[in-house]
Amino acid sequence: MILEAEIKEQLHQYLQLMEGDVLLKVSTGEDDVSKDMLALVDELATMSSKIKVETATLKRTPSFSVNRIGEDTGVAFAGIPLGHEFTSLVLALLQASGRAPKVDDKVMEQVKNIQGEFHFETYVSLTCHNCPDVVQALNIMSVLNPNITHTMIDGAAFKEEVDSKNIMAVPTVFLNGEVFGSGRMTLDEILAKMGSTEDPAEFSNKDPFDVLVVGGGPAGASAAIYAARKGIRTGVVAERFGGQIMDTLGIENFIGTKYTEGPKLAASLEEHVKEYDVDVMNLQRAKSLQRKELIEVELENGAVLKSKSVILSTGARWRNVGVPGEAEFKNKGVAYCPHCDGPLFEGKDVAVIGGGNSGIEAAIDLAGIVKHVTVIEFGAELRADSVLQERLYSLPNVKVIKNAQTTEITGTDKVNGLTYLDRETEQEHHIELQGIFVQIGLVPNTDWLGDTVERTRTGEIVVDNHGATNVPGVFAAGDCTNNPYKQIIISMGSGANASLGAFDYLIRN
């Protein structure tokens, strides 16, 4: 048995939602992965009379495709889609059976109208929490459009293929044999990357908002909900709804919820926002802000949105080391997500730059996968919580180097090492490595504001206890502000606070 009893019980309920028959075409060999794959599809077939299985010769072995009877949907799994990809398998079964995907009608039409042949391949690891979003989006496209196919490829099952293509980050997507993109992508983002975008005129023609929220993370979602509940015209413009929590795996300090994961929380936030009459404009990047008769926010696409008040909640991004080699070897050995990319470095030597909580958590996770981990800390001591440090120092394959300033990341076609300066002796050292994980904190996403709003030396927006900035009608919340603590729950509270401040401003003005 491949599936545990509890999972089978949940799966049985989902399989009852299947609308038509589905045929699984299976290509297997004599290897262990093939045997487990065959066991999985046979187990699925015993759970629903609507699932049929037949042997076939597919492009990769082991793999299987999910099809309508008499029609190839173009959806295939090379490797066993368990772990984070199990949901991708369940959704593929439902959608291939005829059950409509949960996608806006407008987006469905965009996908159906795509012309040309598009063959996507996505390399994943089963521990990657960003990969399923990409896999599920491309599977939906394959089900809706006969000219599109998609194969999920488990990098652990096809190591030679991964090595030959120099894949060192997941998800990595190939389109018609060429690299299409890497990292988390939503269906909307994939369509935009393929050139299917909305007309900027649709944005500029919008009526002015009472409150316009710039940013769709926890602070922005909270601000939008509080504003909409006041019955005022509310809009949200976001580069990526969910923000940085989309890249967060386990969340254990969200009060009232023992454990959740970033993408799951982001989906809940978006669903909650859309319960209200909020105009959500996703995949739109703000370019500038000006206070005229109304406050005007110009977007990168050229459109200008107008509002009586604005709440800035643009969040923050991972801080770069800023040394030679970092940009050149990004996704070629330089990584920022140990949960996603860690399995690709199995049996290799890696470094973690950063001795705070995120860095030490990354080192602990990686130590269970890789051959050896070196932690590089700039300061004289690690900054992580003592419980994490105790766990780190108990591991046999971890070395900690303190007072170390990273000066260069080296390599040819991919990372081969790291150079650092010993800040005590001023001697330079080089470590041979195959991977480097950067975990050194956050930078606020506020560069686009220029001098229009007061910011600190590090770029954080200065706010008062109502969330107000120095510009009348402009408020800010979350990780982009000078609030000293960057936590999800604090961002949500500051979003609500800024929204109430904006409402108070509107009443008085």
Protein backbone atom coordinates (compact mmCIF):
# COMPACT_ATOMS: atom_id res chain seq x y z
CA MET A 1 0.00 0.00 0.00
CA ILE A 2 1.34 3.41 -1.04
CA LEU A 3 -1.37 5.57 0.53
CA GLU A 4 -1.91 5.78 4.27
CA ALA A 5 -5.37 4.98 5.63
CA GLU A 6 -6.16 8.59 6.58
CA ILE A 7 -5.18 9.90 3.13
CA LYS A 8 -7.21 7.15 1.44
CA GLU A 9 -10.26 8.16 3.44
CA GLN A 10 -9.91 11.80 2.34
CA LEU A 11 -9.17 10.75 -1.25
CA HIS A 12 -12.24 8.55 -1.39
CA GLN A 13 -14.42 11.61 -0.72
CA TYR A 14 -12.72 13.59 -3.50
CA LEU A 15 -12.98 10.77 -6.02
CA GLN A 16 -16.76 10.76 -5.55
CA LEU A 17 -16.72 14.20 -7.22
CA MET A 18 -15.42 12.75 -10.50
CA GLU A 19 -17.92 13.34 -13.30
CA GLY A 20 -16.70 10.96 -16.02
CA ASP A 21 -14.26 8.12 -16.59
CA VAL A 22 -10.51 8.72 -16.57
CA LEU A 23 -7.81 6.57 -18.13
CA LEU A 24 -4.34 6.37 -16.55
CA LYS A 25 -1.72 5.31 -19.10
CA VAL A 26 1.27 3.91 -17.22
CA SER A 27 4.84 3.46 -18.46
CA THR A 28 6.95 1.47 -15.98
CA GLY A 29 10.15 -0.55 -15.78
CA GLU A 30 11.75 -2.84 -13.20
CA ASP A 31 13.03 -0.10 -10.86
CA ASP A 32 11.61 0.62 -7.40
CA VAL A 33 9.97 3.90 -8.46
CA SER A 34 8.14 2.05 -11.26
CA LYS A 35 6.90 -0.57 -8.84
CA ASP A 36 5.62 2.06 -6.40
CA MET A 37 3.99 4.00 -9.24
CA LEU A 38 2.19 0.92 -10.48
CA ALA A 39 1.03 0.20 -6.94
CA LEU A 40 -0.29 3.78 -6.64
CA VAL A 41 -2.32 3.76 -9.87
CA ASP A 42 -3.69 0.28 -9.11
CA GLU A 43 -4.71 1.54 -5.65
CA LEU A 44 -6.46 4.52 -7.24
CA ALA A 45 -8.32 2.23 -9.62
CA THR A 46 -9.63 0.12 -6.73
CA MET A 47 -11.01 3.27 -5.09
CA SER A 48 -13.17 4.42 -8.01
CA SER A 49 -14.92 2.60 -10.84
CA LYS A 50 -14.35 5.73 -12.94
CA ILE A 51 -10.55 5.20 -12.99
CA LYS A 52 -9.16 2.80 -15.62
CA VAL A 53 -5.51 1.76 -16.02
CA GLU A 54 -3.59 0.53 -19.06
CA THR A 55 0.09 0.10 -19.87
CA ALA A 56 1.64 2.39 -22.47
CA THR A 57 4.96 3.67 -23.77
CA LEU A 58 5.42 7.30 -22.73
CA LYS A 59 8.33 9.72 -23.20
CA ARG A 60 9.68 8.92 -19.73
CA THR A 61 9.74 5.78 -17.64
CA PRO A 62 8.46 5.66 -14.96
CA SER A 63 5.55 7.99 -15.68
CA PHE A 64 1.80 8.01 -16.21
CA SER A 65 -0.66 10.28 -17.98
CA VAL A 66 -4.17 11.28 -16.88
CA ASN A 67 -6.64 11.25 -19.75
CA ARG A 68 -10.26 11.41 -20.72
CA ILE A 69 -11.44 8.22 -22.39
CA GLY A 70 -10.47 8.40 -26.06
CA GLU A 71 -8.69 11.74 -25.65
CA ASP A 72 -5.24 12.71 -24.37
CA THR A 73 -5.41 15.70 -22.03
CA GLY A 74 -1.66 16.20 -22.15
CA VAL A 75 -1.28 15.88 -18.35
CA ALA A 76 1.51 13.54 -17.19
CA PHE A 77 3.45 12.78 -14.00
CA ALA A 78 7.03 11.51 -14.30
CA GLY A 79 7.69 10.26 -10.80
CA ILE A 80 5.22 9.60 -8.00
CA PRO A 81 3.15 12.70 -7.15
CA LEU A 82 3.01 12.34 -3.40
CA GLY A 83 4.14 14.87 -0.76
CA HIS A 84 3.16 18.38 -1.79
CA GLU A 85 2.22 17.13 -5.29
CA PHE A 86 -0.50 14.76 -4.13
CA THR A 87 -3.06 17.57 -4.43
CA SER A 88 -1.90 18.10 -8.03
CA LEU A 89 -2.74 14.46 -8.78
CA VAL A 90 -6.18 14.68 -7.16
CA LEU A 91 -7.06 17.86 -9.07
CA ALA A 92 -5.82 16.35 -12.35
CA LEU A 93 -8.13 13.36 -11.85
CA LEU A 94 -11.12 15.60 -11.13
CA GLN A 95 -10.45 17.99 -14.02
CA ALA A 96 -9.75 15.23 -16.54
CA SER A 97 -13.05 13.65 -15.49
CA GLY A 98 -14.87 16.79 -16.62
CA ARG A 99 -15.10 18.75 -13.39
CA ALA A 100 -14.43 22.42 -14.14
CA PRO A 101 -11.34 23.92 -12.49
CA LYS A 102 -11.86 26.74 -10.00
CA VAL A 103 -10.76 29.49 -12.37
CA ASP A 104 -12.45 32.74 -13.41
CA ASP A 105 -14.43 32.44 -16.66
CA LYS A 106 -12.31 35.25 -18.11
CA VAL A 107 -9.10 33.32 -17.42
CA MET A 108 -10.60 30.11 -18.86
CA GLU A 109 -11.34 31.93 -22.11
CA GLN A 110 -7.78 33.31 -22.20
CA VAL A 111 -6.40 29.76 -21.93
CA LYS A 112 -8.80 28.30 -24.51
CA ASN A 113 -7.91 31.03 -27.02
CA ILE A 114 -4.14 30.40 -26.94
CA GLN A 115 -2.95 29.42 -30.41
CA GLY A 116 0.09 27.29 -31.22
CA GLU A 117 1.77 24.18 -29.77
CA PHE A 118 3.02 24.47 -26.19
CA HIS A 119 4.72 21.56 -24.44
CA PHE A 120 5.58 22.38 -20.82
CA GLU A 121 7.79 20.34 -18.48
CA THR A 122 8.16 21.24 -14.80
CA TYR A 123 10.98 19.87 -12.66
CA VAL A 124 9.93 19.66 -9.00
CA SER A 125 10.91 18.22 -5.65
CA LEU A 126 8.16 16.65 -3.59
CA THR A 127 9.13 18.79 -0.57
CA CYS A 128 8.71 22.04 -2.54
CA HIS A 129 5.67 24.04 -1.41
CA ASN A 130 5.88 26.40 -4.41
CA CYS A 131 5.94 23.66 -7.06
CA PRO A 132 2.27 22.54 -6.84
CA ASP A 133 1.01 26.00 -7.84
CA VAL A 134 2.98 25.80 -11.08
CA VAL A 135 2.10 22.15 -11.73
CA GLN A 136 -1.61 22.72 -11.12
CA ALA A 137 -1.73 25.86 -13.27
CA LEU A 138 -0.08 24.13 -16.23
CA ASN A 139 -2.27 21.05 -15.77
CA ILE A 140 -5.36 23.27 -15.94
CA MET A 141 -4.05 24.82 -19.16
CA SER A 142 -3.49 21.34 -20.63
CA VAL A 143 -7.00 20.19 -19.72
CA LEU A 144 -8.60 23.34 -21.20
CA ASN A 145 -6.54 23.64 -24.39
CA PRO A 146 -5.71 20.62 -26.63
CA ASN A 147 -2.64 22.45 -27.98
CA ILE A 148 -1.00 22.50 -24.53
CA THR A 149 0.66 19.58 -22.71
CA HIS A 150 2.38 19.43 -19.33
CA THR A 151 4.56 16.89 -17.53
CA MET A 152 5.55 17.12 -13.88
CA ILE A 153 9.03 15.62 -13.38
CA ASP A 154 10.26 14.61 -9.93
CA GLY A 155 13.95 15.59 -9.89
CA ALA A 156 14.77 12.83 -7.38
CA ALA A 157 13.44 10.18 -9.78
CA PHE A 158 15.22 11.65 -12.82
CA LYS A 159 18.56 12.79 -11.37
CA GLU A 160 20.55 12.27 -14.58
CA GLU A 161 18.11 14.45 -16.49
CA VAL A 162 18.29 17.15 -13.80
CA ASP A 163 22.10 17.07 -13.79
CA SER A 164 22.36 17.15 -17.59
CA LYS A 165 20.17 20.26 -17.72
CA ASN A 166 22.00 21.89 -14.78
CA ILE A 167 18.75 22.32 -12.85
CA MET A 168 19.60 23.61 -9.37
CA ALA A 169 16.30 25.20 -8.32
CA VAL A 170 12.69 24.12 -8.37
CA PRO A 171 10.23 24.58 -9.83
CA THR A 172 12.02 25.01 -13.16
CA VAL A 173 9.73 25.09 -16.20
CA PHE A 174 10.75 24.26 -19.76
CA LEU A 175 8.59 25.23 -22.74
CA ASN A 176 9.20 23.39 -26.02
CA GLY A 177 12.65 22.36 -24.76
CA GLU A 178 13.79 25.84 -23.62
CA VAL A 179 13.82 27.31 -20.12
CA PHE A 180 10.56 29.21 -19.58
CA GLY A 181 10.98 30.26 -15.94
CA SER A 182 11.76 29.19 -12.41
CA GLY A 183 10.16 29.83 -9.05
CA ARG A 184 6.54 30.01 -8.06
CA MET A 185 4.13 31.15 -10.81
CA THR A 186 0.37 31.42 -10.76
CA LEU A 187 -1.85 30.76 -13.77
CA ASP A 188 -2.23 34.52 -14.26
CA GLU A 189 1.54 34.98 -14.16
CA ILE A 190 2.11 32.19 -16.70
CA LEU A 191 -0.45 33.74 -19.05
CA ALA A 192 1.18 37.16 -18.65
CA LYS A 193 4.59 35.61 -19.41
CA MET A 194 3.09 34.11 -22.57
CA GLY A 195 1.90 37.58 -23.60
CA SER A 196 -1.76 37.28 -22.62
CA THR A 197 -2.37 40.46 -20.56
CA GLU A 198 -5.16 42.89 -19.78
CA ASP A 199 -5.49 46.22 -21.60
CA PRO A 200 -4.05 49.09 -19.45
CA ALA A 201 -7.03 51.21 -20.50
CA GLU A 202 -9.25 48.96 -18.36
CA PHE A 203 -7.38 50.22 -15.30
CA SER A 204 -7.25 53.92 -16.17
CA ASN A 205 -10.99 54.01 -16.81
CA LYS A 206 -11.83 52.94 -13.27
CA ASP A 207 -13.71 55.37 -11.04
CA PRO A 208 -11.70 56.82 -8.11
CA PHE A 209 -11.52 54.66 -4.99
CA ASP A 210 -12.17 55.72 -1.43
CA VAL A 211 -9.33 53.48 -0.29
CA LEU A 212 -6.71 51.98 -2.61
CA VAL A 213 -4.48 49.34 -1.03
CA VAL A 214 -1.11 48.83 -2.72
CA GLY A 215 0.09 45.32 -1.87
CA GLY A 216 -1.72 42.02 -1.35
CA GLY A 217 0.07 40.37 1.57
CA PRO A 218 -1.33 39.89 5.10
CA ALA A 219 -1.26 43.66 5.80
CA GLY A 220 -2.92 44.54 2.49
CA ALA A 221 -5.59 41.86 2.79
CA SER A 222 -6.41 42.96 6.33
CA ALA A 223 -6.58 46.61 5.28
CA ALA A 224 -8.87 45.80 2.32
CA ILE A 225 -11.29 43.74 4.44
CA TYR A 226 -11.53 46.44 7.12
CA ALA A 227 -12.13 49.11 4.47
CA ALA A 228 -14.72 47.09 2.54
CA ARG A 229 -16.64 46.35 5.73
CA LYS A 230 -17.12 50.11 6.12
CA GLY A 231 -19.05 50.09 2.85
CA ILE A 232 -16.60 52.32 0.98
CA ARG A 233 -15.19 51.80 -2.52
CA THR A 234 -12.07 49.68 -2.05
CA GLY A 235 -9.41 48.49 -4.46
CA VAL A 236 -6.30 46.34 -4.12
CA VAL A 237 -3.42 46.47 -6.57
CA ALA A 238 -0.85 43.72 -5.97
CA GLU A 239 2.20 42.46 -7.76
CA ARG A 240 1.53 39.03 -6.27
CA PHE A 241 -1.44 38.40 -4.00
CA GLY A 242 -0.25 36.79 -0.80
CA GLY A 243 3.12 38.50 -0.90
CA GLN A 244 6.10 37.00 0.85
CA ILE A 245 4.09 34.37 2.72
CA MET A 246 3.78 32.56 -0.63
CA ASP A 247 7.44 31.62 -0.07
CA THR A 248 6.93 30.55 3.56
CA LEU A 249 6.42 26.91 4.46
CA GLY A 250 5.54 26.15 8.08
CA ILE A 251 3.81 28.85 10.16
CA GLU A 252 3.49 27.88 13.82
CA ASN A 253 3.13 31.29 15.53
CA PHE A 254 -0.14 32.45 13.95
CA ILE A 255 -2.22 32.67 17.08
CA GLY A 256 -5.26 30.39 17.11
CA THR A 257 -3.84 28.17 14.35
CA LYS A 258 -1.31 25.58 15.52
CA TYR A 259 0.13 25.05 12.07
CA THR A 260 -0.47 26.28 8.55
CA GLU A 261 1.57 26.91 5.42
CA GLY A 262 2.15 30.16 3.55
CA PRO A 263 0.37 29.36 0.27
CA LYS A 264 -2.62 27.95 2.18
CA LEU A 265 -2.87 31.11 4.30
CA ALA A 266 -2.52 33.30 1.20
CA ALA A 267 -5.36 31.45 -0.51
CA SER A 268 -7.54 31.98 2.59
CA LEU A 269 -6.71 35.69 2.61
CA GLU A 270 -7.61 36.08 -1.06
CA GLU A 271 -10.84 34.12 -0.60
CA HIS A 272 -11.77 36.31 2.38
CA VAL A 273 -11.03 39.55 0.50
CA LYS A 274 -13.16 38.41 -2.45
CA GLU A 275 -16.12 37.84 -0.10
CA TYR A 276 -16.46 41.64 -0.17
CA ASP A 277 -16.93 44.10 -3.00
CA VAL A 278 -13.21 44.70 -3.47
CA ASP A 279 -11.68 45.40 -6.89
CA VAL A 280 -8.60 43.13 -6.86
CA MET A 281 -6.03 44.00 -9.54
CA ASN A 282 -3.41 41.24 -9.39
CA LEU A 283 -0.03 41.05 -11.17
CA GLN A 284 0.24 44.84 -11.28
CA ARG A 285 3.32 46.68 -10.07
CA ALA A 286 3.14 50.24 -8.74
CA LYS A 287 5.59 52.68 -10.34
CA SER A 288 5.00 56.03 -8.64
CA LEU A 289 2.71 57.92 -6.24
CA GLN A 290 1.65 61.56 -6.45
CA ARG A 291 -0.70 63.66 -4.38
CA LYS A 292 -2.80 65.91 -6.61
CA GLU A 293 -6.51 66.68 -6.21
CA LEU A 294 -6.72 62.95 -5.49
CA ILE A 295 -3.85 60.57 -4.76
CA GLU A 296 -2.63 59.00 -7.99
CA VAL A 297 -0.80 55.67 -8.25
CA GLU A 298 0.82 55.02 -11.61
CA LEU A 299 1.32 51.36 -12.57
CA GLU A 300 4.17 49.84 -14.59
CA ASN A 301 1.69 49.17 -17.42
CA GLY A 302 1.10 52.93 -17.76
CA ALA A 303 -2.33 53.03 -16.13
CA VAL A 304 -3.09 55.56 -13.38
CA LEU A 305 -5.39 54.70 -10.47
CA LYS A 306 -6.96 57.49 -8.39
CA SER A 307 -8.12 57.37 -4.80
CA LYS A 308 -9.12 59.60 -1.89
CA SER A 309 -6.76 57.64 0.37
CA VAL A 310 -4.03 55.05 -0.15
CA ILE A 311 -2.63 52.32 2.11
CA LEU A 312 0.89 51.20 1.20
CA SER A 313 1.47 47.54 2.16
CA THR A 314 4.13 46.48 -0.32
CA GLY A 315 5.97 44.24 2.14
CA ALA A 316 9.59 43.20 1.87
CA ARG A 317 11.81 40.81 -0.07
CA TRP A 318 14.81 38.63 0.75
CA ARG A 319 17.98 40.65 1.19
CA ASN A 320 20.80 39.83 -1.23
CA VAL A 321 24.40 39.43 -0.06
CA GLY A 322 25.43 41.83 -2.82
CA VAL A 323 28.74 40.17 -3.71
CA PRO A 324 30.22 39.12 -7.07
CA GLY A 325 28.74 35.83 -8.26
CA GLU A 326 25.42 36.05 -6.42
CA ALA A 327 23.35 37.28 -9.35
CA GLU A 328 25.31 35.26 -11.91
CA PHE A 329 24.73 31.97 -10.09
CA LYS A 330 21.16 32.51 -8.90
CA ASN A 331 19.34 29.20 -9.51
CA LYS A 332 22.74 27.74 -10.47
CA GLY A 333 23.74 26.97 -6.92
CA VAL A 334 22.64 30.19 -5.20
CA ALA A 335 19.24 29.61 -3.61
CA TYR A 336 16.89 31.30 -1.16
CA CYS A 337 14.42 28.52 -0.29
CA PRO A 338 15.89 25.49 1.53
CA HIS A 339 12.52 23.69 1.58
CA CYS A 340 12.16 23.94 -2.20
CA ASP A 341 15.70 23.48 -3.45
CA GLY A 342 17.32 21.51 -0.62
CA PRO A 343 16.59 18.04 -2.13
CA LEU A 344 18.52 19.00 -5.29
CA PHE A 345 21.69 19.22 -3.18
CA GLU A 346 21.45 15.74 -1.68
CA GLY A 347 24.90 14.42 -0.84
CA LYS A 348 26.59 17.75 -1.59
CA ASP A 349 28.40 20.41 0.44
CA VAL A 350 26.47 23.64 0.96
CA ALA A 351 26.69 26.87 2.94
CA VAL A 352 24.02 28.95 4.65
CA ILE A 353 24.77 32.67 4.85
CA GLY A 354 23.06 34.11 7.92
CA GLY A 355 22.93 33.18 11.61
CA GLY A 356 19.44 34.42 12.51
CA ASN A 357 16.41 32.18 13.01
CA SER A 358 15.78 31.69 9.29
CA GLY A 359 19.42 30.84 8.61
CA ILE A 360 19.75 28.34 11.44
CA GLU A 361 16.39 26.73 10.63
CA ALA A 362 17.62 26.36 7.04
CA ALA A 363 20.90 24.80 8.20
CA ILE A 364 19.08 22.30 10.42
CA ASP A 365 16.74 21.29 7.59
CA LEU A 366 19.56 20.98 5.07
CA ALA A 367 21.74 18.91 7.42
CA GLY A 368 19.24 16.08 7.07
CA ILE A 369 19.61 16.08 3.27
CA VAL A 370 23.06 17.25 2.21
CA LYS A 371 26.55 15.92 3.00
CA HIS A 372 27.75 18.97 4.96
CA VAL A 373 26.51 22.45 5.92
CA THR A 374 28.71 25.45 6.69
CA VAL A 375 26.99 28.38 8.41
CA ILE A 376 28.54 31.77 7.64
CA GLU A 377 27.74 34.46 10.25
CA PHE A 378 28.96 38.06 9.89
CA GLY A 379 28.73 38.83 13.62
CA ALA A 380 30.67 37.50 16.58
CA GLU A 381 27.72 35.33 17.68
CA LEU A 382 24.72 33.62 16.10
CA ARG A 383 21.49 35.59 16.47
CA ALA A 384 19.07 32.64 16.38
CA ASP A 385 16.99 31.53 19.36
CA SER A 386 18.93 29.38 21.84
CA VAL A 387 16.74 26.31 21.21
CA LEU A 388 17.68 26.44 17.51
CA GLN A 389 21.38 26.90 18.30
CA GLU A 390 21.36 23.88 20.62
CA ARG A 391 19.81 21.76 17.88
CA LEU A 392 22.32 23.05 15.31
CA TYR A 393 25.38 22.32 17.43
CA SER A 394 24.11 18.78 18.08
CA LEU A 395 24.38 17.91 14.39
CA PRO A 396 27.55 16.10 13.24
CA ASN A 397 27.68 17.52 9.70
CA VAL A 398 27.47 21.24 10.48
CA LYS A 399 30.26 23.78 10.92
CA VAL A 400 29.71 27.38 12.09
CA ILE A 401 32.09 30.16 11.03
CA LYS A 402 31.56 33.47 12.87
CA ASN A 403 33.01 36.92 12.19
CA ALA A 404 32.99 35.98 8.50
CA GLN A 405 32.25 38.46 5.73
CA THR A 406 31.27 36.82 2.44
CA THR A 407 33.23 38.54 -0.35
CA GLU A 408 32.56 36.39 -3.43
CA ILE A 409 30.58 33.43 -4.72
CA THR A 410 32.68 31.52 -7.23
CA GLY A 411 31.92 29.15 -10.07
CA THR A 412 32.05 28.54 -13.81
CA ASP A 413 28.70 27.38 -15.16
CA LYS A 414 27.48 26.80 -11.58
CA VAL A 415 28.59 27.46 -8.00
CA ASN A 416 31.83 25.81 -6.89
CA GLY A 417 32.64 27.77 -3.74
CA LEU A 418 32.51 30.79 -1.47
CA THR A 419 35.22 33.24 -0.42
CA TYR A 420 35.03 34.98 2.95
CA LEU A 421 37.13 37.39 5.00
CA ASP A 422 37.90 36.52 8.62
CA ARG A 423 37.04 39.84 10.30
CA GLU A 424 39.38 39.14 13.24
CA THR A 425 42.54 38.14 11.36
CA GLU A 426 41.65 39.89 8.06
CA GLN A 427 42.71 36.73 6.25
CA GLU A 428 40.78 35.52 3.21
CA HIS A 429 39.55 31.92 2.96
CA HIS A 430 37.83 29.87 0.29
CA ILE A 431 35.42 26.96 0.82
CA GLU A 432 34.58 24.48 -1.94
CA LEU A 433 30.78 24.11 -2.17
CA GLN A 434 28.05 23.09 -4.58
CA GLY A 435 25.28 25.24 -3.11
CA ILE A 436 24.74 28.45 -1.13
CA PHE A 437 21.51 29.39 0.65
CA VAL A 438 21.12 33.10 1.46
CA GLN A 439 19.14 33.86 4.64
CA ILE A 440 20.09 37.36 5.81
CA GLY A 441 16.85 39.20 6.38
CA LEU A 442 14.54 41.53 4.48
CA VAL A 443 14.54 44.74 2.41
CA PRO A 444 11.32 46.85 2.18
CA ASN A 445 9.72 47.12 -1.27
CA THR A 446 9.61 50.92 -1.24
CA ASP A 447 12.20 52.04 -3.83
CA TRP A 448 9.42 53.09 -6.22
CA LEU A 449 8.23 55.79 -3.79
CA GLY A 450 11.35 57.93 -4.12
CA ASP A 451 11.07 61.08 -1.99
CA THR A 452 7.27 61.28 -2.04
CA VAL A 453 6.89 59.62 1.37
CA GLU A 454 9.24 59.87 4.36
CA ARG A 455 11.36 56.74 4.74
CA THR A 456 14.14 55.65 7.07
CA ARG A 457 17.74 55.20 5.98
CA THR A 458 16.98 51.54 5.22
CA GLY A 459 13.89 52.38 3.16
CA GLU A 460 11.15 51.68 5.70
CA ILE A 461 8.11 53.99 5.52
CA VAL A 462 7.76 56.13 8.65
CA VAL A 463 4.25 55.89 10.16
CA ASP A 464 2.55 57.23 13.29
CA ASN A 465 0.34 55.21 15.65
CA HIS A 466 -2.60 55.53 13.21
CA GLY A 467 -0.55 54.13 10.32
CA ALA A 468 -0.37 57.60 8.71
CA THR A 469 2.66 58.77 6.72
CA ASN A 470 3.81 62.39 6.33
CA VAL A 471 1.61 62.70 3.20
CA PRO A 472 -2.06 63.48 4.03
CA GLY A 473 -4.29 60.58 2.99
CA VAL A 474 -1.41 58.14 2.56
CA PHE A 475 -1.11 55.38 5.14
CA ALA A 476 1.20 52.35 5.37
CA ALA A 477 1.22 48.96 7.08
CA GLY A 478 3.23 45.78 7.45
CA ASP A 479 6.84 44.91 6.68
CA CYS A 480 7.39 47.98 4.47
CA THR A 481 7.05 50.29 7.51
CA ASN A 482 9.33 51.17 10.43
CA ASN A 483 7.36 48.84 12.70
CA PRO A 484 10.20 47.04 14.52
CA TYR A 485 8.77 43.51 14.32
CA LYS A 486 8.19 41.75 11.00
CA GLN A 487 5.59 39.07 11.76
CA ILE A 488 2.46 37.95 9.88
CA ILE A 489 0.14 38.57 12.80
CA ILE A 490 1.63 42.03 13.41
CA SER A 491 1.27 42.89 9.71
CA MET A 492 -2.41 41.94 9.82
CA GLY A 493 -2.95 44.13 12.87
CA SER A 494 -1.14 47.08 11.31
CA GLY A 495 -3.21 46.64 8.12
CA ALA A 496 -6.40 46.90 10.15
CA ASN A 497 -4.97 49.86 12.05
CA ALA A 498 -4.04 51.72 8.85
CA SER A 499 -7.46 51.00 7.36
CA LEU A 500 -9.23 52.43 10.39
CA GLY A 501 -6.89 55.42 10.22
CA ALA A 502 -7.75 55.93 6.54
CA PHE A 503 -11.48 55.72 7.29
CA ASP A 504 -11.11 58.29 10.05
CA TYR A 505 -9.21 60.53 7.60
CA LEU A 506 -12.02 60.22 5.01
CA ILE A 507 -14.69 61.12 7.56
CA ARG A 508 -12.80 64.22 8.67
CA ASN A 509 -11.88 65.36 5.18
